[in-house]
C-alpha atoms as a PDB file:
ATOM      1  CA  UNK A   1     -34.698  -1.537  16.057  1.00  0.00           C
ATOM      2  CA  UNK A   2     -36.225  -2.710  12.771  1.00  0.00           C
ATOM      3  CA  UNK A   3     -33.538  -0.792  10.840  1.00  0.00           C
ATOM      4  CA  UNK A   4     -30.794  -2.417  12.941  1.00  0.00           C
ATOM      5  CA  UNK A   5     -32.213  -5.890  12.301  1.00  0.00           C
ATOM      6  CA  UNK A   6     -32.324  -5.149   8.571  1.00  0.00           C
ATOM      7  CA  UNK A   7     -28.663  -4.085   8.541  1.00  0.00           C
ATOM      8  CA  UNK A   8     -27.630  -7.226  10.432  1.00  0.00           C
ATOM      9  CA  UNK A   9     -29.613  -9.368   8.000  1.00  0.00           C
ATOM     10  CA  UNK A  10     -27.905  -7.775   4.996  1.00  0.00           C
ATOM     11  CA  UNK A  11     -24.463  -8.124   6.502  1.00  0.00           C
ATOM     12  CA  UNK A  12     -25.119 -11.757   7.339  1.00  0.00           C
ATOM     13  CA  UNK A  13     -25.911 -12.361   3.680  1.00  0.00           C
ATOM     14  CA  UNK A  14     -22.458 -11.231   2.536  1.00  0.00           C
ATOM     15  CA  UNK A  15     -19.980 -14.044   2.090  1.00  0.00           C
ATOM     16  CA  UNK A  16     -16.315 -13.248   1.571  1.00  0.00           C
ATOM     17  CA  UNK A  17     -14.392 -15.699  -0.593  1.00  0.00           C
ATOM     18  CA  UNK A  18     -11.869 -18.288   0.601  1.00  0.00           C
ATOM     19  CA  UNK A  19      -9.817 -17.912   3.753  1.00  0.00           C
ATOM     20  CA  UNK A  20      -6.349 -16.335   3.551  1.00  0.00           C
ATOM     21  CA  UNK A  21      -3.156 -18.246   2.841  1.00  0.00           C
ATOM     22  CA  UNK A  22      -0.254 -17.656   5.210  1.00  0.00           C
ATOM     23  CA  UNK A  23       3.481 -18.229   4.743  1.00  0.00           C
ATOM     24  CA  UNK A  24       6.670 -17.514   6.672  1.00  0.00           C
ATOM     25  CA  UNK A  25       9.240 -15.946   4.335  1.00  0.00           C
ATOM     26  CA  UNK A  26      12.108 -18.425   4.110  1.00  0.00           C
ATOM     27  CA  UNK A  27      15.004 -15.955   4.301  1.00  0.00           C
ATOM     28  CA  UNK A  28      15.763 -13.441   7.036  1.00  0.00           C
ATOM     29  CA  UNK A  29      16.025 -10.449   4.711  1.00  0.00           C
ATOM     30  CA  UNK A  30      12.810  -8.608   5.597  1.00  0.00           C
ATOM     31  CA  UNK A  31      13.583  -7.732   9.192  1.00  0.00           C
ATOM     32  CA  UNK A  32      11.300  -4.666   9.201  1.00  0.00           C
ATOM     33  CA  UNK A  33       9.129  -4.868   6.088  1.00  0.00           C
ATOM     34  CA  UNK A  34       7.407  -1.594   5.269  1.00  0.00           C
ATOM     35  CA  UNK A  35       6.450  -1.940   1.604  1.00  0.00           C
ATOM     36  CA  UNK A  36       5.350  -4.591  -0.883  1.00  0.00           C
ATOM     37  CA  UNK A  37       4.164  -4.524  -4.509  1.00  0.00           C
ATOM     38  CA  UNK A  38       3.030  -7.192  -6.962  1.00  0.00           C
ATOM     39  CA  UNK A  39       5.297  -7.482 -10.008  1.00  0.00           C
ATOM     40  CA  UNK A  40       3.833  -6.479 -13.358  1.00  0.00           C
ATOM     41  CA  UNK A  41       6.262  -8.885 -15.077  1.00  0.00           C
ATOM     42  CA  UNK A  42       5.156 -11.891 -13.029  1.00  0.00           C
ATOM     43  CA  UNK A  43       1.958 -11.999 -10.901  1.00  0.00           C
ATOM     44  CA  UNK A  44       3.553 -14.699  -8.725  1.00  0.00           C
ATOM     45  CA  UNK A  45       6.384 -12.361  -7.667  1.00  0.00           C
ATOM     46  CA  UNK A  46       6.442  -9.669  -4.991  1.00  0.00           C
ATOM     47  CA  UNK A  47       8.870  -6.800  -4.467  1.00  0.00           C
ATOM     48  CA  UNK A  48       9.412  -5.753  -0.851  1.00  0.00           C
ATOM     49  CA  UNK A  49      11.699  -3.522   1.174  1.00  0.00           C
ATOM     50  CA  UNK A  50      12.570  -2.717   4.754  1.00  0.00           C
ATOM     51  CA  UNK A  51      11.955   0.401   6.796  1.00  0.00           C
ATOM     52  CA  UNK A  52      14.732   2.826   7.740  1.00  0.00           C
ATOM     53  CA  UNK A  53      18.083   1.239   8.583  1.00  0.00           C
ATOM     54  CA  UNK A  54      18.526  -0.915   5.472  1.00  0.00           C
ATOM     55  CA  UNK A  55      20.445  -0.225   2.265  1.00  0.00           C
ATOM     56  CA  UNK A  56      18.705   1.041  -0.886  1.00  0.00           C
ATOM     57  CA  UNK A  57      17.592  -2.498  -1.662  1.00  0.00           C
ATOM     58  CA  UNK A  58      14.433  -4.276  -2.761  1.00  0.00           C
ATOM     59  CA  UNK A  59      13.875  -7.999  -2.334  1.00  0.00           C
ATOM     60  CA  UNK A  60      12.106 -10.444  -4.647  1.00  0.00           C
ATOM     61  CA  UNK A  61       9.780 -12.887  -2.877  1.00  0.00           C
ATOM     62  CA  UNK A  62       7.399 -15.396  -4.461  1.00  0.00           C
ATOM     63  CA  UNK A  63       3.755 -15.420  -3.467  1.00  0.00           C
ATOM     64  CA  UNK A  64       4.523 -18.588  -1.491  1.00  0.00           C
ATOM     65  CA  UNK A  65       7.097 -16.785   0.652  1.00  0.00           C
ATOM     66  CA  UNK A  66      10.220 -18.049  -1.135  1.00  0.00           C
ATOM     67  CA  UNK A  67      13.157 -15.632  -1.355  1.00  0.00           C
ATOM     68  CA  UNK A  68      14.458 -15.161  -4.911  1.00  0.00           C
ATOM     69  CA  UNK A  69      17.098 -12.454  -4.600  1.00  0.00           C
ATOM     70  CA  UNK A  70      17.884  -8.770  -4.168  1.00  0.00           C
ATOM     71  CA  UNK A  71      18.230  -5.652  -6.291  1.00  0.00           C
ATOM     72  CA  UNK A  72      20.347  -2.730  -5.110  1.00  0.00           C
ATOM     73  CA  UNK A  73      18.940   0.575  -6.331  1.00  0.00           C
ATOM     74  CA  UNK A  74      21.653   2.903  -7.623  1.00  0.00           C
ATOM     75  CA  UNK A  75      20.977   6.619  -7.361  1.00  0.00           C
ATOM     76  CA  UNK A  76      18.538   6.315  -4.443  1.00  0.00           C
ATOM     77  CA  UNK A  77      18.957   7.296  -0.822  1.00  0.00           C
ATOM     78  CA  UNK A  78      17.176   5.285   1.867  1.00  0.00           C
ATOM     79  CA  UNK A  79      16.341   7.725   4.649  1.00  0.00           C
ATOM     80  CA  UNK A  80      12.928   6.236   5.491  1.00  0.00           C
ATOM     81  CA  UNK A  81      11.417   4.035   2.775  1.00  0.00           C
ATOM     82  CA  UNK A  82       7.750   3.418   3.549  1.00  0.00           C
ATOM     83  CA  UNK A  83       6.040   2.021   0.442  1.00  0.00           C
ATOM     84  CA  UNK A  84       6.579   0.668  -3.063  1.00  0.00           C
ATOM     85  CA  UNK A  85       4.186   0.633  -6.009  1.00  0.00           C
ATOM     86  CA  UNK A  86       4.169  -1.342  -9.271  1.00  0.00           C
ATOM     87  CA  UNK A  87       2.472   0.004 -12.394  1.00  0.00           C
ATOM     88  CA  UNK A  88       2.624  -0.018 -16.188  1.00  0.00           C
ATOM     89  CA  UNK A  89       3.268   2.944 -18.411  1.00  0.00           C
ATOM     90  CA  UNK A  90       3.366   2.761 -22.211  1.00  0.00           C
ATOM     91  CA  UNK A  91       3.230  -1.017 -21.931  1.00  0.00           C
ATOM     92  CA  UNK A  92       6.309  -1.253 -19.704  1.00  0.00           C
ATOM     93  CA  UNK A  93       6.415  -2.282 -16.022  1.00  0.00           C
ATOM     94  CA  UNK A  94       7.728   0.295 -13.534  1.00  0.00           C
ATOM     95  CA  UNK A  95       8.363   0.545  -9.814  1.00  0.00           C
ATOM     96  CA  UNK A  96       8.022   3.574  -7.572  1.00  0.00           C
ATOM     97  CA  UNK A  97       9.807   3.591  -4.195  1.00  0.00           C
ATOM     98  CA  UNK A  98       8.609   6.136  -1.643  1.00  0.00           C
ATOM     99  CA  UNK A  99      11.112   7.691   0.769  1.00  0.00           C
ATOM    100  CA  UNK A 100       8.413   9.575   2.658  1.00  0.00           C
ATOM    101  CA  UNK A 101       8.552   8.556   6.323  1.00  0.00           C
ATOM    102  CA  UNK A 102       8.610  11.521   8.695  1.00  0.00           C
ATOM    103  CA  UNK A 103       7.773  10.450  12.250  1.00  0.00           C
ATOM    104  CA  UNK A 104       8.673  13.819  13.745  1.00  0.00           C
ATOM    105  CA  UNK A 105       7.407  16.106  10.974  1.00  0.00           C
ATOM    106  CA  UNK A 106      10.723  17.781  10.147  1.00  0.00           C
ATOM    107  CA  UNK A 107      11.333  16.909   6.468  1.00  0.00           C
ATOM    108  CA  UNK A 108      11.161  19.890   4.156  1.00  0.00           C
ATOM    109  CA  UNK A 109      11.370  17.552   1.138  1.00  0.00           C
ATOM    110  CA  UNK A 110      10.482  13.916   0.530  1.00  0.00           C
ATOM    111  CA  UNK A 111      11.509  11.779  -2.444  1.00  0.00           C
ATOM    112  CA  UNK A 112      10.031   9.253  -4.850  1.00  0.00           C
ATOM    113  CA  UNK A 113      12.236   7.016  -7.018  1.00  0.00           C
ATOM    114  CA  UNK A 114      10.996   5.603 -10.321  1.00  0.00           C
ATOM    115  CA  UNK A 115      12.750   2.832 -12.246  1.00  0.00           C
ATOM    116  CA  UNK A 116      11.910   0.184 -14.819  1.00  0.00           C
ATOM    117  CA  UNK A 117      10.941  -2.999 -13.003  1.00  0.00           C
ATOM    118  CA  UNK A 118      13.793  -5.544 -13.181  1.00  0.00           C
ATOM    119  CA  UNK A 119      12.967  -8.551 -15.336  1.00  0.00           C
ATOM    120  CA  UNK A 120      13.980 -11.747 -13.557  1.00  0.00           C
ATOM    121  CA  UNK A 121      13.476 -14.041 -16.518  1.00  0.00           C
ATOM    122  CA  UNK A 122      16.248 -16.632 -16.441  1.00  0.00           C
ATOM    123  CA  UNK A 123      17.567 -15.543 -13.022  1.00  0.00           C
ATOM    124  CA  UNK A 124      18.407 -18.286 -10.537  1.00  0.00           C
ATOM    125  CA  UNK A 125      17.683 -18.084  -6.818  1.00  0.00           C
ATOM    126  CA  UNK A 126      19.827 -15.860  -4.594  1.00  0.00           C
ATOM    127  CA  UNK A 127      20.605 -13.506  -7.460  1.00  0.00           C
ATOM    128  CA  UNK A 128      22.030 -10.045  -6.827  1.00  0.00           C
ATOM    129  CA  UNK A 129      21.399  -7.278  -9.342  1.00  0.00           C
ATOM    130  CA  UNK A 130      21.870  -3.535  -9.631  1.00  0.00           C
ATOM    131  CA  UNK A 131      19.194  -1.229 -11.060  1.00  0.00           C
ATOM    132  CA  UNK A 132      19.454   2.498 -11.601  1.00  0.00           C
ATOM    133  CA  UNK A 133      16.830   5.130 -10.804  1.00  0.00           C
ATOM    134  CA  UNK A 134      15.370   6.629 -13.974  1.00  0.00           C
ATOM    135  CA  UNK A 135      13.683   9.559 -12.264  1.00  0.00           C
ATOM    136  CA  UNK A 136      13.704  11.141  -8.830  1.00  0.00           C
ATOM    137  CA  UNK A 137      10.788  13.303  -7.715  1.00  0.00           C
ATOM    138  CA  UNK A 138      11.520  15.647  -4.841  1.00  0.00           C
ATOM    139  CA  UNK A 139       8.393  17.208  -3.387  1.00  0.00           C
ATOM    140  CA  UNK A 140       6.824  18.949  -0.401  1.00  0.00           C
ATOM    141  CA  UNK A 141       3.288  18.896   0.972  1.00  0.00           C
ATOM    142  CA  UNK A 142       1.261  22.046   0.419  1.00  0.00           C
ATOM    143  CA  UNK A 143       0.308  22.317   4.104  1.00  0.00           C
ATOM    144  CA  UNK A 144       3.603  21.394   5.711  1.00  0.00           C
ATOM    145  CA  UNK A 145       5.450  18.161   6.577  1.00  0.00           C
ATOM    146  CA  UNK A 146       3.411  14.964   6.809  1.00  0.00           C
ATOM    147  CA  UNK A 147       4.278  11.488   8.013  1.00  0.00           C
ATOM    148  CA  UNK A 148       3.259   9.145   5.184  1.00  0.00           C
ATOM    149  CA  UNK A 149       3.523   5.365   4.874  1.00  0.00           C
ATOM    150  CA  UNK A 150       0.966   4.871   2.073  1.00  0.00           C
ATOM    151  CA  UNK A 151       1.749   5.669  -1.568  1.00  0.00           C
ATOM    152  CA  UNK A 152       0.164   4.359  -4.789  1.00  0.00           C
ATOM    153  CA  UNK A 153       0.182   5.038  -8.519  1.00  0.00           C
ATOM    154  CA  UNK A 154      -2.936   5.423 -10.640  1.00  0.00           C
ATOM    155  CA  UNK A 155      -1.324   5.215 -14.074  1.00  0.00           C
ATOM    156  CA  UNK A 156      -4.712   5.377 -15.802  1.00  0.00           C
ATOM    157  CA  UNK A 157      -5.184   8.896 -14.478  1.00  0.00           C
ATOM    158  CA  UNK A 158      -1.522   9.990 -14.384  1.00  0.00           C
ATOM    159  CA  UNK A 159      -1.504  10.416 -10.614  1.00  0.00           C
ATOM    160  CA  UNK A 160       0.575   9.475  -7.609  1.00  0.00           C
ATOM    161  CA  UNK A 161      -1.398   9.411  -4.357  1.00  0.00           C
ATOM    162  CA  UNK A 162      -0.066   9.754  -0.815  1.00  0.00           C
ATOM    163  CA  UNK A 163      -2.096   9.151   2.344  1.00  0.00           C
ATOM    164  CA  UNK A 164      -0.975  10.658   5.636  1.00  0.00           C
ATOM    165  CA  UNK A 165      -0.740   8.464   8.717  1.00  0.00           C
ATOM    166  CA  UNK A 166      -0.975  10.550  11.876  1.00  0.00           C
ATOM    167  CA  UNK A 167      -3.626  13.073  10.867  1.00  0.00           C
ATOM    168  CA  UNK A 168      -7.152  12.479  12.165  1.00  0.00           C
ATOM    169  CA  UNK A 169      -8.727  11.967   9.729  1.00  0.00           C
ATOM    170  CA  UNK A 170      -5.952  10.940   7.301  1.00  0.00           C
ATOM    171  CA  UNK A 171      -5.376  13.291   4.377  1.00  0.00           C
ATOM    172  CA  UNK A 172      -5.023  12.190   0.750  1.00  0.00           C
ATOM    173  CA  UNK A 173      -2.595  14.094  -1.484  1.00  0.00           C
ATOM    174  CA  UNK A 174      -1.715  13.866  -5.168  1.00  0.00           C
ATOM    175  CA  UNK A 175       1.217  14.485  -7.496  1.00  0.00           C
ATOM    176  CA  UNK A 176       1.411  14.189 -11.285  1.00  0.00           C
ATOM    177  CA  UNK A 177       3.012  10.948 -12.452  1.00  0.00           C
ATOM    178  CA  UNK A 178       4.416  12.752 -15.482  1.00  0.00           C
ATOM    179  CA  UNK A 179       5.706  16.170 -14.480  1.00  0.00           C
ATOM    180  CA  UNK A 180       6.993  17.450 -17.825  1.00  0.00           C
ATOM    181  CA  UNK A 181       7.460  21.179 -17.517  1.00  0.00           C
ATOM    182  CA  UNK A 182       6.509  21.237 -13.838  1.00  0.00           C
ATOM    183  CA  UNK A 183       8.447  23.269 -11.326  1.00  0.00           C
ATOM    184  CA  UNK A 184      10.937  21.334  -9.177  1.00  0.00           C
ATOM    185  CA  UNK A 185      10.460  20.495  -6.364  1.00  0.00           C
ATOM    186  CA  UNK A 186       6.840  19.519  -6.825  1.00  0.00           C
ATOM    187  CA  UNK A 187       4.049  20.274  -4.379  1.00  0.00           C
ATOM    188  CA  UNK A 188       1.703  17.499  -3.269  1.00  0.00           C
ATOM    189  CA  UNK A 189      -1.785  18.982  -3.182  1.00  0.00           C
ATOM    190  CA  UNK A 190      -4.579  17.818  -0.915  1.00  0.00           C
ATOM    191  CA  UNK A 191      -7.451  15.886  -2.497  1.00  0.00           C
ATOM    192  CA  UNK A 192      -9.591  15.366   0.588  1.00  0.00           C
ATOM    193  CA  UNK A 193      -9.706  13.940   4.083  1.00  0.00           C
ATOM    194  CA  UNK A 194     -10.869  10.371   4.597  1.00  0.00           C
ATOM    195  CA  UNK A 195     -13.570  10.867   7.193  1.00  0.00           C
ATOM    196  CA  UNK A 196     -15.192   7.427   6.838  1.00  0.00           C
ATOM    197  CA  UNK A 197     -12.286   5.185   7.875  1.00  0.00           C
ATOM    198  CA  UNK A 198     -13.251   2.841  10.735  1.00  0.00           C
ATOM    199  CA  UNK A 199     -12.228   4.105  14.151  1.00  0.00           C
ATOM    200  CA  UNK A 200     -10.454   2.326  16.985  1.00  0.00           C
ATOM    201  CA  UNK A 201     -12.821  -0.143  18.645  1.00  0.00           C
ATOM    202  CA  UNK A 202     -13.460  -0.540  22.359  1.00  0.00           C
ATOM    203  CA  UNK A 203     -11.954  -4.028  22.074  1.00  0.00           C
ATOM    204  CA  UNK A 204      -8.729  -2.590  20.640  1.00  0.00           C
ATOM    205  CA  UNK A 205      -8.515  -0.064  23.459  1.00  0.00           C
ATOM    206  CA  UNK A 206      -9.054  -2.809  26.003  1.00  0.00           C
ATOM    207  CA  UNK A 207      -6.838  -5.572  24.619  1.00  0.00           C
ATOM    208  CA  UNK A 208      -4.043  -4.094  22.502  1.00  0.00           C
ATOM    209  CA  UNK A 209      -1.760  -2.342  24.946  1.00  0.00           C
ATOM    210  CA  UNK A 210       0.979  -1.537  22.406  1.00  0.00           C
ATOM    211  CA  UNK A 211      -0.856  -0.259  19.323  1.00  0.00           C
ATOM    212  CA  UNK A 212      -4.405   0.311  20.505  1.00  0.00           C
ATOM    213  CA  UNK A 213      -4.468   4.050  19.744  1.00  0.00           C
ATOM    214  CA  UNK A 214      -2.966   3.505  16.284  1.00  0.00           C
ATOM    215  CA  UNK A 215      -4.885   0.453  15.030  1.00  0.00           C
ATOM    216  CA  UNK A 216      -6.793   2.428  12.404  1.00  0.00           C
ATOM    217  CA  UNK A 217      -3.797   4.343  11.008  1.00  0.00           C
ATOM    218  CA  UNK A 218      -3.038   3.779   7.286  1.00  0.00           C
ATOM    219  CA  UNK A 219       0.227   1.907   6.707  1.00  0.00           C
ATOM    220  CA  UNK A 220      -0.023   1.126   2.965  1.00  0.00           C
ATOM    221  CA  UNK A 221      -1.982   2.109  -0.138  1.00  0.00           C
ATOM    222  CA  UNK A 222      -2.402   0.452  -3.542  1.00  0.00           C
ATOM    223  CA  UNK A 223      -4.565   0.852  -6.643  1.00  0.00           C
ATOM    224  CA  UNK A 224      -5.491  -1.790  -9.209  1.00  0.00           C
ATOM    225  CA  UNK A 225      -4.184  -1.445 -12.752  1.00  0.00           C
ATOM    226  CA  UNK A 226      -7.537  -0.145 -14.031  1.00  0.00           C
ATOM    227  CA  UNK A 227      -7.756   2.445 -11.235  1.00  0.00           C
ATOM    228  CA  UNK A 228     -11.086   1.063  -9.975  1.00  0.00           C
ATOM    229  CA  UNK A 229     -10.072  -0.729  -6.772  1.00  0.00           C
ATOM    230  CA  UNK A 230      -8.267   1.024  -3.923  1.00  0.00           C
ATOM    231  CA  UNK A 231      -6.754  -0.811  -0.965  1.00  0.00           C
ATOM    232  CA  UNK A 232      -5.855   0.914   2.298  1.00  0.00           C
ATOM    233  CA  UNK A 233      -3.988  -1.251   4.801  1.00  0.00           C
ATOM    234  CA  UNK A 234      -4.160  -0.521   8.521  1.00  0.00           C
ATOM    235  CA  UNK A 235      -2.690  -2.461  11.419  1.00  0.00           C
ATOM    236  CA  UNK A 236      -5.806  -4.626  11.629  1.00  0.00           C
ATOM    237  CA  UNK A 237      -7.862  -4.350   8.430  1.00  0.00           C
ATOM    238  CA  UNK A 238      -7.887  -4.229   4.656  1.00  0.00           C
ATOM    239  CA  UNK A 239     -10.181  -1.387   3.555  1.00  0.00           C
ATOM    240  CA  UNK A 240     -11.484  -1.660  -0.010  1.00  0.00           C
ATOM    241  CA  UNK A 241     -12.966   1.152  -2.067  1.00  0.00           C
ATOM    242  CA  UNK A 242     -14.519   0.651  -5.516  1.00  0.00           C
ATOM    243  CA  UNK A 243     -14.402   3.469  -8.062  1.00  0.00           C
ATOM    244  CA  UNK A 244     -16.804   2.921 -10.930  1.00  0.00           C
ATOM    245  CA  UNK A 245     -17.972   5.032 -13.845  1.00  0.00           C
ATOM    246  CA  UNK A 246     -17.174   8.716 -13.555  1.00  0.00           C
ATOM    247  CA  UNK A 247     -17.295   8.888  -9.765  1.00  0.00           C
ATOM    248  CA  UNK A 248     -14.871  11.367  -8.267  1.00  0.00           C
ATOM    249  CA  UNK A 249     -12.574  10.449  -5.403  1.00  0.00           C
ATOM    250  CA  UNK A 250     -14.603  12.712  -3.136  1.00  0.00           C
ATOM    251  CA  UNK A 251     -17.668  10.626  -3.959  1.00  0.00           C
ATOM    252  CA  UNK A 252     -15.800   7.341  -3.479  1.00  0.00           C
ATOM    253  CA  UNK A 253     -14.379   8.257  -0.094  1.00  0.00           C
ATOM    254  CA  UNK A 254     -17.645   9.801   1.123  1.00  0.00           C
ATOM    255  CA  UNK A 255     -18.901   6.225   1.539  1.00  0.00           C
ATOM    256  CA  UNK A 256     -17.624   3.715   4.101  1.00  0.00           C
ATOM    257  CA  UNK A 257     -15.208   1.103   2.729  1.00  0.00           C
ATOM    258  CA  UNK A 258     -15.688  -2.615   2.548  1.00  0.00           C
ATOM    259  CA  UNK A 259     -13.772  -3.997   5.529  1.00  0.00           C
ATOM    260  CA  UNK A 260     -11.783  -7.228   5.397  1.00  0.00           C
ATOM    261  CA  UNK A 261     -10.245  -8.087   8.793  1.00  0.00           C
ATOM    262  CA  UNK A 262      -6.595  -9.137   8.660  1.00  0.00           C
ATOM    263  CA  UNK A 263      -5.355 -12.253  10.447  1.00  0.00           C
ATOM    264  CA  UNK A 264      -3.388 -11.559  13.585  1.00  0.00           C
ATOM    265  CA  UNK A 265       0.024 -10.324  12.490  1.00  0.00           C
ATOM    266  CA  UNK A 266       2.687  -8.348  14.350  1.00  0.00           C
ATOM    267  CA  UNK A 267       2.579  -4.786  12.963  1.00  0.00           C
ATOM    268  CA  UNK A 268       1.394  -4.898   9.355  1.00  0.00           C
ATOM    269  CA  UNK A 269       2.997  -2.029   7.434  1.00  0.00           C
ATOM    270  CA  UNK A 270       3.223  -3.569   3.943  1.00  0.00           C
ATOM    271  CA  UNK A 271       0.157  -4.189   1.789  1.00  0.00           C
ATOM    272  CA  UNK A 272      -0.420  -4.526  -1.958  1.00  0.00           C
ATOM    273  CA  UNK A 273      -3.077  -5.369  -4.555  1.00  0.00           C
ATOM    274  CA  UNK A 274      -2.836  -7.758  -7.453  1.00  0.00           C
ATOM    275  CA  UNK A 275      -3.079  -5.932 -10.771  1.00  0.00           C
ATOM    276  CA  UNK A 276      -6.721  -7.044 -11.174  1.00  0.00           C
ATOM    277  CA  UNK A 277      -7.666  -5.844  -7.684  1.00  0.00           C
ATOM    278  CA  UNK A 278      -8.908  -9.260  -6.570  1.00  0.00           C
ATOM    279  CA  UNK A 279      -6.176 -10.232  -4.078  1.00  0.00           C
ATOM    280  CA  UNK A 280      -4.328  -8.501  -1.259  1.00  0.00           C
ATOM    281  CA  UNK A 281      -0.785  -9.295  -0.067  1.00  0.00           C
ATOM    282  CA  UNK A 282       0.346  -8.282   3.415  1.00  0.00           C
ATOM    283  CA  UNK A 283       3.707  -8.676   5.183  1.00  0.00           C
ATOM    284  CA  UNK A 284       4.346  -8.250   8.897  1.00  0.00           C
ATOM    285  CA  UNK A 285       7.077  -5.886  10.010  1.00  0.00           C
ATOM    286  CA  UNK A 286       8.506  -8.148  12.721  1.00  0.00           C
ATOM    287  CA  UNK A 287      11.038 -10.919  11.995  1.00  0.00           C
ATOM    288  CA  UNK A 288      10.541 -13.643  10.893  1.00  0.00           C
ATOM    289  CA  UNK A 289       8.352 -11.899   8.331  1.00  0.00           C
ATOM    290  CA  UNK A 290       5.014 -13.482   7.515  1.00  0.00           C
ATOM    291  CA  UNK A 291       3.126 -13.155   4.241  1.00  0.00           C
ATOM    292  CA  UNK A 292      -0.671 -13.282   4.137  1.00  0.00           C
ATOM    293  CA  UNK A 293      -2.636 -13.570   0.890  1.00  0.00           C
ATOM    294  CA  UNK A 294      -6.214 -12.421   1.252  1.00  0.00           C
ATOM    295  CA  UNK A 295      -9.006 -12.677  -1.357  1.00  0.00           C
ATOM    296  CA  UNK A 296     -10.589  -9.254  -1.805  1.00  0.00           C
ATOM    297  CA  UNK A 297     -13.249  -9.896  -4.440  1.00  0.00           C
ATOM    298  CA  UNK A 298     -16.531  -8.219  -3.628  1.00  0.00           C
ATOM    299  CA  UNK A 299     -18.687 -10.267  -1.267  1.00  0.00           C
ATOM    300  CA  UNK A 300     -21.919 -11.774  -2.456  1.00  0.00           C
ATOM    301  CA  UNK A 301     -24.784  -9.292  -2.145  1.00  0.00           C
ATOM    302  CA  UNK A 302     -22.248  -6.451  -2.215  1.00  0.00           C
ATOM    303  CA  UNK A 303     -24.877  -3.998  -3.460  1.00  0.00           C
ATOM    304  CA  UNK A 304     -26.183  -3.926   0.090  1.00  0.00           C
ATOM    305  CA  UNK A 305     -23.061  -1.953   1.035  1.00  0.00           C
ATOM    306  CA  UNK A 306     -23.756   0.863  -1.388  1.00  0.00           C
END
């Protein structure tokens, strides 16, 4: 009992920063949002896309929910786009679009599309641009098909990470970001299983009749520019992991994450980090799409979590 009281005291001493901001996106373009990334050209700009059923298109949205325009991606198929990542390589901003959804586990190959991030400097609202894929990565998972909605790039360590959705516990896989000389198609190799993700609560089972069994499933993944902050989005929470020093991923994920509850949103499947890892951006899948901006800086007294 004394130990329980001590834990409650420590948790009570943690104060998360300001409350989230919330906006309704002012154009009906994201009818089933499944991916979002923060631009590396402009921190006030987001790139987002829909789930299966849309064209090979990404949409530019400001961080206040204002629609700027669209970019059609030439050279990319859109079977089941599930996530998008923004990163820098050799001082240049890039985007990675992940066509990795596999609800029924039948895909022998999945695809990732890499392209230089479009620069919107001087573009007026409601623009329409074309952008061409610079590189397509076809790959398979080493242990058979996996349904994945969560993909991120750790450019500091030359890695692409993919987190499975339906496995219990979810499985983390990796691919090289630069595959010079590698055999095609690539094979995504398993890093580890995430055994410390929060489970489904009794309240979820009692109150959420539609998604109660799936509330803890990962729907998005992102990594800060320095590789030290990892964000996993689920249907109800933002899960934050901090990677410091020379800690391996196995060491990082052996500990429970910091948990930041998400405001009530209908089916959150798009989540992203600011480049500095201090802010999370989340978009609901249902229309009209809502954007939530959530401070993710470490709470006061955060050492009590470690």
